[in-house]
Protein backbone atom coordinates (compact mmCIF):
# COMPACT_ATOMS: atom_id res chain seq x y z
CA MET A 1 105.83 32.17 -11.34
CA LYS A 2 103.36 31.95 -8.48
CA ILE A 3 99.90 32.13 -9.97
CA ILE A 4 96.54 32.19 -8.23
CA ILE A 5 93.34 31.64 -10.27
CA VAL A 6 90.15 33.06 -8.79
CA GLY A 7 87.00 31.43 -10.14
CA THR A 8 84.79 28.38 -10.29
CA ALA A 9 86.31 24.89 -10.08
CA HIS A 10 85.65 21.50 -8.51
CA PRO A 11 83.42 20.67 -6.69
CA PHE A 12 81.41 23.01 -8.91
CA ARG A 13 80.52 21.62 -12.31
CA GLY A 14 80.23 23.01 -15.81
CA GLY A 15 82.30 24.35 -18.70
CA LEU A 16 83.79 27.28 -16.81
CA ALA A 17 85.07 25.03 -14.03
CA ALA A 18 86.57 22.73 -16.66
CA PHE A 19 88.21 25.71 -18.34
CA ASN A 20 89.79 26.98 -15.13
CA GLU A 21 91.08 23.50 -14.18
CA ARG A 22 92.57 22.99 -17.68
CA LEU A 23 94.26 26.38 -17.60
CA ALA A 24 95.69 25.65 -14.17
CA ASP A 25 96.91 22.28 -15.43
CA GLU A 26 98.70 24.05 -18.32
CA PHE A 27 100.45 26.44 -15.95
CA VAL A 28 101.50 23.48 -13.76
CA ARG A 29 102.85 21.65 -16.83
CA GLU A 30 104.97 24.71 -17.62
CA GLY A 31 106.51 24.59 -14.15
CA HIS A 32 104.60 27.43 -12.41
CA ASN A 33 103.34 27.28 -8.80
CA VAL A 34 99.55 27.34 -9.19
CA GLU A 35 96.44 27.18 -7.04
CA ILE A 36 92.76 27.88 -7.65
CA GLN A 37 90.71 29.83 -5.14
CA THR A 38 87.07 28.81 -5.64
CA PHE A 39 83.80 29.16 -3.81
CA THR A 40 82.30 28.00 -0.59
CA LEU A 41 79.12 29.49 -1.95
CA GLN A 42 78.95 30.28 -5.69
CA TYR A 43 75.29 31.19 -6.16
CA PRO A 44 72.40 31.30 -3.71
CA LYS A 45 70.10 28.43 -4.68
CA PHE A 46 67.34 30.78 -5.93
CA LEU A 47 69.69 32.24 -8.52
CA PHE A 48 70.74 28.90 -10.00
CA PRO A 49 68.36 27.57 -12.70
CA GLY A 50 69.80 24.02 -12.87
CA LYS A 51 69.24 21.01 -10.64
CA THR A 52 72.56 21.21 -8.81
CA GLN A 53 75.74 23.31 -8.90
CA PHE A 54 77.94 20.41 -7.85
CA SER A 55 79.80 17.68 -9.69
CA ASP A 56 79.75 14.13 -8.51
CA GLU A 57 83.08 13.36 -10.22
CA ALA A 58 86.43 13.13 -8.48
CA ALA A 59 88.52 16.29 -7.99
CA PRO A 60 91.53 16.74 -10.30
CA LYS A 61 94.44 14.95 -8.72
CA ASN A 62 97.25 17.28 -9.78
CA LEU A 63 95.71 20.64 -8.81
CA ILE A 64 95.49 22.67 -5.60
CA ILE A 65 91.93 23.88 -5.25
CA GLU A 66 90.94 25.78 -2.11
CA ARG A 67 87.33 26.67 -1.30
CA THR A 68 87.54 30.09 0.27
CA ILE A 69 85.13 32.51 -1.42
CA ASN A 70 81.57 33.32 -0.39
CA SER A 71 80.05 35.29 -3.30
CA ILE A 72 77.51 37.20 -1.13
CA ASN A 73 79.53 37.95 2.06
CA PRO A 74 81.55 41.27 1.87
CA PHE A 75 83.48 40.40 5.08
CA ASN A 76 84.65 37.26 3.35
CA TRP A 77 85.83 39.20 0.29
CA LEU A 78 88.08 41.37 2.48
CA LYS A 79 89.48 38.31 4.22
CA VAL A 80 90.18 36.46 0.94
CA GLY A 81 91.80 39.52 -0.55
CA LYS A 82 94.16 39.85 2.38
CA GLU A 83 94.96 36.13 2.38
CA ILE A 84 95.76 36.11 -1.35
CA SER A 85 97.88 39.21 -0.96
CA SER A 86 99.83 37.62 1.90
CA LYS A 87 100.88 34.82 -0.42
CA SER A 88 102.65 37.37 -2.70
CA PRO A 89 101.70 35.77 -6.04
CA ASP A 90 103.10 37.19 -9.24
CA TYR A 91 99.74 36.97 -10.99
CA VAL A 92 96.13 36.71 -9.84
CA ILE A 93 93.81 35.71 -12.63
CA PHE A 94 90.12 36.50 -12.11
CA CYS A 95 87.94 34.24 -14.32
CA TYR A 96 84.92 36.46 -14.78
CA TRP A 97 81.66 35.59 -16.47
CA MET A 98 78.76 37.53 -14.99
CA SER A 99 77.92 40.83 -13.21
CA PHE A 100 76.75 39.03 -10.07
CA MET A 101 80.46 38.28 -9.38
CA ALA A 102 81.61 41.91 -9.88
CA PRO A 103 81.29 43.10 -6.26
CA CYS A 104 83.00 39.97 -4.90
CA PHE A 105 85.83 39.82 -7.45
CA GLY A 106 86.17 43.62 -7.54
CA THR A 107 86.66 43.83 -3.77
CA ILE A 108 89.18 41.01 -3.70
CA ALA A 109 91.07 42.69 -6.55
CA LYS A 110 90.97 46.01 -4.76
CA ILE A 111 92.56 44.57 -1.64
CA ILE A 112 95.21 42.75 -3.64
CA GLY A 113 95.98 45.97 -5.52
CA LYS A 114 97.51 47.45 -2.38
CA ASN A 115 100.51 45.32 -3.24
CA SER A 116 101.74 46.91 -6.45
CA LYS A 117 103.95 43.90 -7.27
CA ILE A 118 100.94 41.67 -7.88
CA LYS A 119 99.59 41.76 -11.42
CA ARG A 120 95.77 41.49 -11.53
CA ILE A 121 94.50 39.92 -14.75
CA ALA A 122 90.85 39.50 -15.70
CA LEU A 123 90.08 36.59 -18.03
CA ILE A 124 86.68 37.71 -19.32
CA HIS A 125 84.32 35.08 -20.73
CA ASN A 126 81.35 37.52 -20.80
CA MET A 127 81.48 41.14 -19.79
CA ILE A 128 77.79 41.47 -20.48
CA PRO A 129 75.67 38.35 -20.13
CA HIS A 130 73.67 36.85 -22.98
CA GLU A 131 70.49 37.68 -21.03
CA PRO A 132 71.33 41.07 -19.53
CA ASN A 133 69.58 42.82 -16.67
CA ILE A 134 69.77 46.15 -14.84
CA LEU A 135 72.85 45.09 -12.81
CA ASP A 136 74.91 44.75 -15.96
CA LYS A 137 74.80 48.52 -16.49
CA PHE A 138 76.77 49.46 -13.39
CA LEU A 139 78.30 46.52 -11.46
CA PRO A 140 81.03 45.60 -14.06
CA LYS A 141 82.51 49.09 -13.74
CA TYR A 142 83.55 48.34 -10.17
CA PHE A 143 85.33 45.15 -11.13
CA VAL A 144 87.03 46.66 -14.19
CA LYS A 145 88.39 49.55 -12.09
CA HIS A 146 90.51 47.20 -10.03
CA ILE A 147 92.09 45.14 -12.87
CA ASP A 148 95.42 45.78 -14.54
CA LYS A 149 94.99 43.79 -17.80
CA PHE A 150 92.15 42.01 -19.66
CA VAL A 151 92.28 38.85 -21.72
CA THR A 152 89.23 37.84 -23.79
CA LEU A 153 88.29 34.85 -25.88
CA SER A 154 86.59 36.84 -28.63
CA LYS A 155 86.95 40.32 -30.12
CA SER A 156 83.39 41.38 -29.30
CA VAL A 157 84.09 41.10 -25.55
CA ILE A 158 86.88 43.74 -25.84
CA ASN A 159 84.21 46.17 -27.08
CA ASP A 160 82.07 45.36 -24.08
CA ILE A 161 84.93 45.96 -21.67
CA ASN A 162 85.57 49.35 -23.26
CA LEU A 163 82.09 50.44 -22.15
CA PHE A 164 83.34 50.33 -18.57
CA ASP A 165 87.12 50.93 -18.83
CA LYS A 166 87.84 54.66 -19.23
CA LYS A 167 91.64 54.32 -18.69
CA ASN A 168 92.35 52.22 -21.78
CA LYS A 169 94.04 49.43 -19.87
CA PRO A 170 95.73 46.63 -21.84
CA LYS A 171 93.35 44.26 -23.56
CA ILE A 172 94.19 41.22 -25.67
CA CYS A 173 92.11 38.62 -27.38
CA SER A 174 93.22 35.01 -27.67
CA PRO A 175 90.83 32.35 -29.04
CA HIS A 176 89.26 29.78 -26.68
CA PRO A 177 91.66 26.80 -26.60
CA ILE A 178 90.47 23.34 -27.47
CA TYR A 179 88.81 21.32 -24.76
CA ASP A 180 90.92 18.23 -24.78
CA THR A 181 89.92 16.92 -21.32
CA TYR A 182 86.94 14.76 -22.32
CA GLY A 183 88.73 11.76 -23.57
CA GLU A 184 89.94 10.48 -26.91
CA PRO A 185 87.70 10.12 -29.98
CA MET A 186 86.02 6.83 -30.57
CA SER A 187 84.03 5.27 -33.40
CA LYS A 188 80.47 6.34 -34.01
CA GLN A 189 79.47 2.71 -33.60
CA ILE A 190 80.78 2.52 -30.03
CA ALA A 191 79.34 5.94 -29.14
CA CYS A 192 75.88 5.15 -30.50
CA LYS A 193 75.86 1.77 -28.72
CA PHE A 194 76.57 3.50 -25.41
CA LEU A 195 73.76 6.04 -26.05
CA ASN A 196 71.36 3.33 -27.33
CA ILE A 197 71.03 5.03 -30.71
CA ASN A 198 71.11 3.29 -34.14
CA GLU A 199 74.60 3.78 -35.53
CA ASN A 200 73.17 4.18 -39.04
CA GLU A 201 71.28 7.32 -38.00
CA ARG A 202 72.54 10.67 -39.33
CA ILE A 203 72.82 12.75 -36.19
CA VAL A 204 72.83 16.48 -35.55
CA LEU A 205 73.94 17.30 -31.97
CA PHE A 206 72.79 20.21 -29.84
CA PHE A 207 74.93 20.14 -26.71
CA GLY A 208 74.85 22.21 -23.51
CA PHE A 209 72.32 23.73 -21.13
CA ILE A 210 69.15 25.01 -22.73
CA ARG A 211 68.15 28.63 -22.57
CA HIS A 212 66.35 30.87 -25.04
CA TYR A 213 69.47 32.62 -26.32
CA LYS A 214 70.93 29.29 -27.45
CA GLY A 215 68.25 28.97 -30.09
CA LEU A 216 67.20 25.37 -29.76
CA ASP A 217 63.72 26.41 -30.92
CA LEU A 218 65.22 27.63 -34.20
CA LEU A 219 66.89 24.26 -34.69
CA LEU A 220 63.58 22.47 -34.02
CA GLU A 221 61.88 24.67 -36.64
CA ALA A 222 64.65 23.80 -39.09
CA PHE A 223 63.92 20.11 -38.48
CA ALA A 224 60.32 20.77 -39.46
CA ASP A 225 61.44 21.99 -42.90
CA GLU A 226 60.23 19.48 -45.50
CA ARG A 227 63.68 19.18 -47.05
CA VAL A 228 65.19 18.27 -43.64
CA ARG A 229 62.37 15.82 -42.94
CA ASP A 230 63.23 14.08 -46.17
CA LEU A 231 66.80 13.55 -45.00
CA ASN A 232 65.62 11.40 -42.10
CA LEU A 233 67.98 13.04 -39.62
CA LYS A 234 67.93 12.69 -35.85
CA LEU A 235 68.41 15.70 -33.58
CA LEU A 236 70.17 14.64 -30.39
CA VAL A 237 69.62 17.22 -27.65
CA ALA A 238 72.03 16.75 -24.81
CA GLY A 239 71.85 19.14 -21.90
CA GLU A 240 69.87 20.32 -18.94
CA PHE A 241 66.90 22.70 -19.17
CA TYR A 242 67.66 26.06 -17.58
CA GLU A 243 64.15 27.30 -18.37
CA ASP A 244 60.64 25.86 -18.73
CA ALA A 245 61.05 22.54 -20.54
CA GLU A 246 57.36 22.54 -21.43
CA ILE A 247 58.04 25.24 -24.07
CA TYR A 248 60.20 22.82 -26.02
CA TYR A 249 58.08 19.71 -25.52
CA ARG A 250 55.10 21.64 -26.82
CA LYS A 251 57.03 22.96 -29.80
CA ILE A 252 58.25 19.50 -30.73
CA LYS A 253 54.67 18.24 -30.65
CA ASP A 254 53.24 21.19 -32.57
CA LEU A 255 55.91 20.82 -35.28
CA ARG A 256 55.18 17.03 -35.41
CA ILE A 257 58.85 16.12 -35.20
CA GLU A 258 58.62 13.77 -32.20
CA ASN A 259 60.23 10.94 -34.22
CA GLN A 260 63.16 13.17 -35.25
CA VAL A 261 64.21 14.34 -31.81
CA VAL A 262 66.09 12.39 -29.11
CA LEU A 263 66.15 14.20 -25.73
CA HIS A 264 68.83 13.51 -23.14
CA THR A 265 68.06 16.47 -20.87
CA ASP A 266 69.89 15.60 -17.72
CA TYR A 267 73.23 17.24 -16.99
CA ILE A 268 75.89 15.48 -19.08
CA ALA A 269 78.79 14.45 -16.85
CA ASP A 270 82.30 15.08 -18.12
CA ASN A 271 83.02 11.36 -18.58
CA LYS A 272 80.05 11.03 -20.92
CA VAL A 273 80.68 14.03 -23.15
CA LYS A 274 82.76 12.02 -25.63
CA TYR A 275 79.95 9.68 -26.47
CA TYR A 276 77.63 12.53 -27.61
CA PHE A 277 80.20 14.19 -29.83
CA CYS A 278 81.49 10.98 -31.30
CA ALA A 279 77.96 9.85 -32.14
CA ALA A 280 77.27 13.10 -34.08
CA ASP A 281 77.83 13.86 -37.71
CA ILE A 282 77.61 17.65 -37.15
CA VAL A 283 77.33 19.87 -34.11
CA ALA A 284 74.78 22.72 -34.27
CA GLN A 285 74.93 25.95 -32.26
CA PRO A 286 71.97 28.05 -33.44
CA TYR A 287 72.62 30.81 -30.88
CA ARG A 288 70.79 34.15 -30.94
CA THR A 289 73.67 35.80 -29.00
CA ALA A 290 77.17 34.63 -28.17
CA THR A 291 80.64 35.67 -27.20
CA GLN A 292 82.61 32.52 -27.79
CA SER A 293 81.75 28.92 -27.17
CA GLY A 294 83.41 25.98 -25.47
CA ILE A 295 81.11 23.66 -27.46
CA SER A 296 82.94 24.61 -30.66
CA GLN A 297 86.23 23.73 -29.01
CA ILE A 298 84.97 20.34 -27.90
CA ALA A 299 83.85 19.78 -31.48
CA TYR A 300 87.34 20.64 -32.71
CA HIS A 301 88.85 18.18 -30.32
CA PHE A 302 86.60 15.37 -31.61
CA GLU A 303 86.98 16.63 -35.17
CA LYS A 304 83.30 17.24 -35.80
CA PRO A 305 81.93 19.72 -38.39
CA MET A 306 79.95 22.62 -36.96
CA LEU A 307 76.97 24.74 -37.81
CA VAL A 308 76.99 28.07 -36.02
CA THR A 309 75.25 31.39 -36.28
CA ASN A 310 76.91 34.65 -37.17
CA VAL A 311 76.72 36.14 -33.71
CA GLY A 312 79.51 37.22 -31.28
CA GLY A 313 82.79 35.45 -31.74
CA LEU A 314 81.43 32.25 -33.28
CA PRO A 315 82.41 33.16 -36.89
CA GLU A 316 85.94 33.93 -35.69
CA ILE A 317 86.61 30.28 -34.96
CA VAL A 318 84.42 28.45 -37.50
CA PRO A 319 85.55 29.37 -41.04
CA ASP A 320 82.39 29.17 -43.14
CA GLY A 321 82.56 26.52 -45.83
CA ALA A 322 85.82 25.08 -44.49
CA VAL A 323 85.05 23.39 -41.18
CA GLY A 324 81.34 23.97 -41.16
CA TYR A 325 78.71 26.70 -41.69
CA VAL A 326 78.05 30.20 -40.47
CA VAL A 327 74.44 31.19 -40.94
CA ALA A 328 71.97 33.79 -39.71
CA PRO A 329 69.99 32.75 -36.58
CA GLN A 330 66.99 31.85 -38.73
CA ALA A 331 65.42 28.40 -39.17
CA ASN A 332 65.47 28.50 -42.93
CA GLU A 333 69.19 29.22 -43.12
CA ILE A 334 69.92 26.46 -40.55
CA ALA A 335 67.84 24.09 -42.74
CA ASP A 336 69.74 25.18 -45.85
CA ALA A 337 73.08 24.31 -44.21
CA LEU A 338 71.90 20.91 -42.98
CA VAL A 339 70.60 20.04 -46.46
CA ASP A 340 73.86 21.15 -48.06
CA PHE A 341 75.94 19.17 -45.55
CA PHE A 342 74.17 15.88 -45.88
CA GLU A 343 73.13 15.93 -49.58
CA LYS A 344 76.51 17.06 -50.79
CA LYS A 345 78.39 14.82 -48.35
CA ARG A 346 80.68 17.54 -46.96
CA GLU A 347 81.74 15.60 -43.83
CA LYS A 348 85.04 14.20 -45.08
CA THR A 349 86.29 17.51 -46.51
CA PHE A 350 85.28 19.42 -43.37
CA ILE A 351 87.02 16.97 -41.10
CA GLU A 352 90.30 17.25 -43.02
CA ASN A 353 90.12 21.03 -42.70
CA ILE A 354 89.34 20.75 -38.97
CA LYS A 355 92.53 18.76 -38.41
CA ALA A 356 94.54 21.67 -39.79
CA GLU A 357 92.50 24.45 -38.20
CA LYS A 358 92.55 23.02 -34.69
CA GLU A 359 96.35 23.48 -34.48
CA LYS A 360 95.72 27.18 -33.73
CA TYR A 361 94.05 26.58 -30.45
CA GLY A 362 96.68 25.26 -28.05
CA TRP A 363 96.61 25.84 -24.30
CA ASP A 364 100.31 26.70 -24.36
CA THR A 365 99.63 29.61 -26.70
CA PHE A 366 96.79 30.79 -24.53
CA ALA A 367 98.78 30.59 -21.33
CA LYS A 368 101.60 32.59 -22.91
CA VAL A 369 99.18 35.36 -23.89
CA ILE A 370 97.93 35.65 -20.31
CA LEU A 371 101.40 36.07 -18.82
CA THR A 372 102.77 38.37 -21.58
CA GLU A 373 103.56 41.85 -20.26
CA ASN A 374 101.79 44.63 -22.18
């Protein structure tokens, strides 16, 4: 098959770029002809909360990545649509994650749709963002209108698509595959040495960019619980602030947990991700809202127990009491889980269960679902 993936990729950074590149790599491995069409301009600077949109790592060697799309130029959308159509691909996969991209992706899909032989597939990470705004009420409808089939990573996103799709187009859910692109597991001793952390510390990892919906404040409050204090844990926060950092610095001080928190709040490059996960005893995702999470799938790869909240698709991939904990997004329940994990020494049992559970999440399975005719 000839497959074109439309979405973020190198030189842009982040989990979605990594996802698209890994998906393309799987299609290549299976013998398909694959290219990624990514952005010349992804976001205007004023819309991007981080320090930079760009990676300083080398481009993937085995992938064709072309920078063609300007997210705010309608004339460009028409041009890109015609150029993709002229290549006569069998499938065009739009990797969609926010309403801002709906006019751009929708117009490209509309142009491509003039060739009825091309199958337009939307791989939807989020139909409605975690922090919605007025645009999310009407822009997605335009994109959805010009798609033939939808693939989601969690069941809740299918419900969100149905708010905009009145023609009952095919929709299928397949769980987020495991992120296996961050290197092989290593000993906690080696990882802690690299991070300049005492290897004897018991470490809870919060990983990823920091915004209100991800609930870091709830995890900080859990660390102020007297029972958790008595465990002498360290909370390792690894990720860039996407909102006012002072909110969190002040909370850490007010809770008097400065000695319990280790902050690594620069962007974590791909080649350093393994050190953070391998240093951790458990990975915490205290989210207030969610669809699915790539963080869980990195934890699966490194065989780390997880603590997640019962929002979105997180409970679908973290069986409670087997590979970790599913709790309400409340500080006291997060604290309860941490106490249970460390006091009752659950790590070994959870890791054994993770080794079995992770077999479900192969990229070959996911790729097959995308290309399956409905």
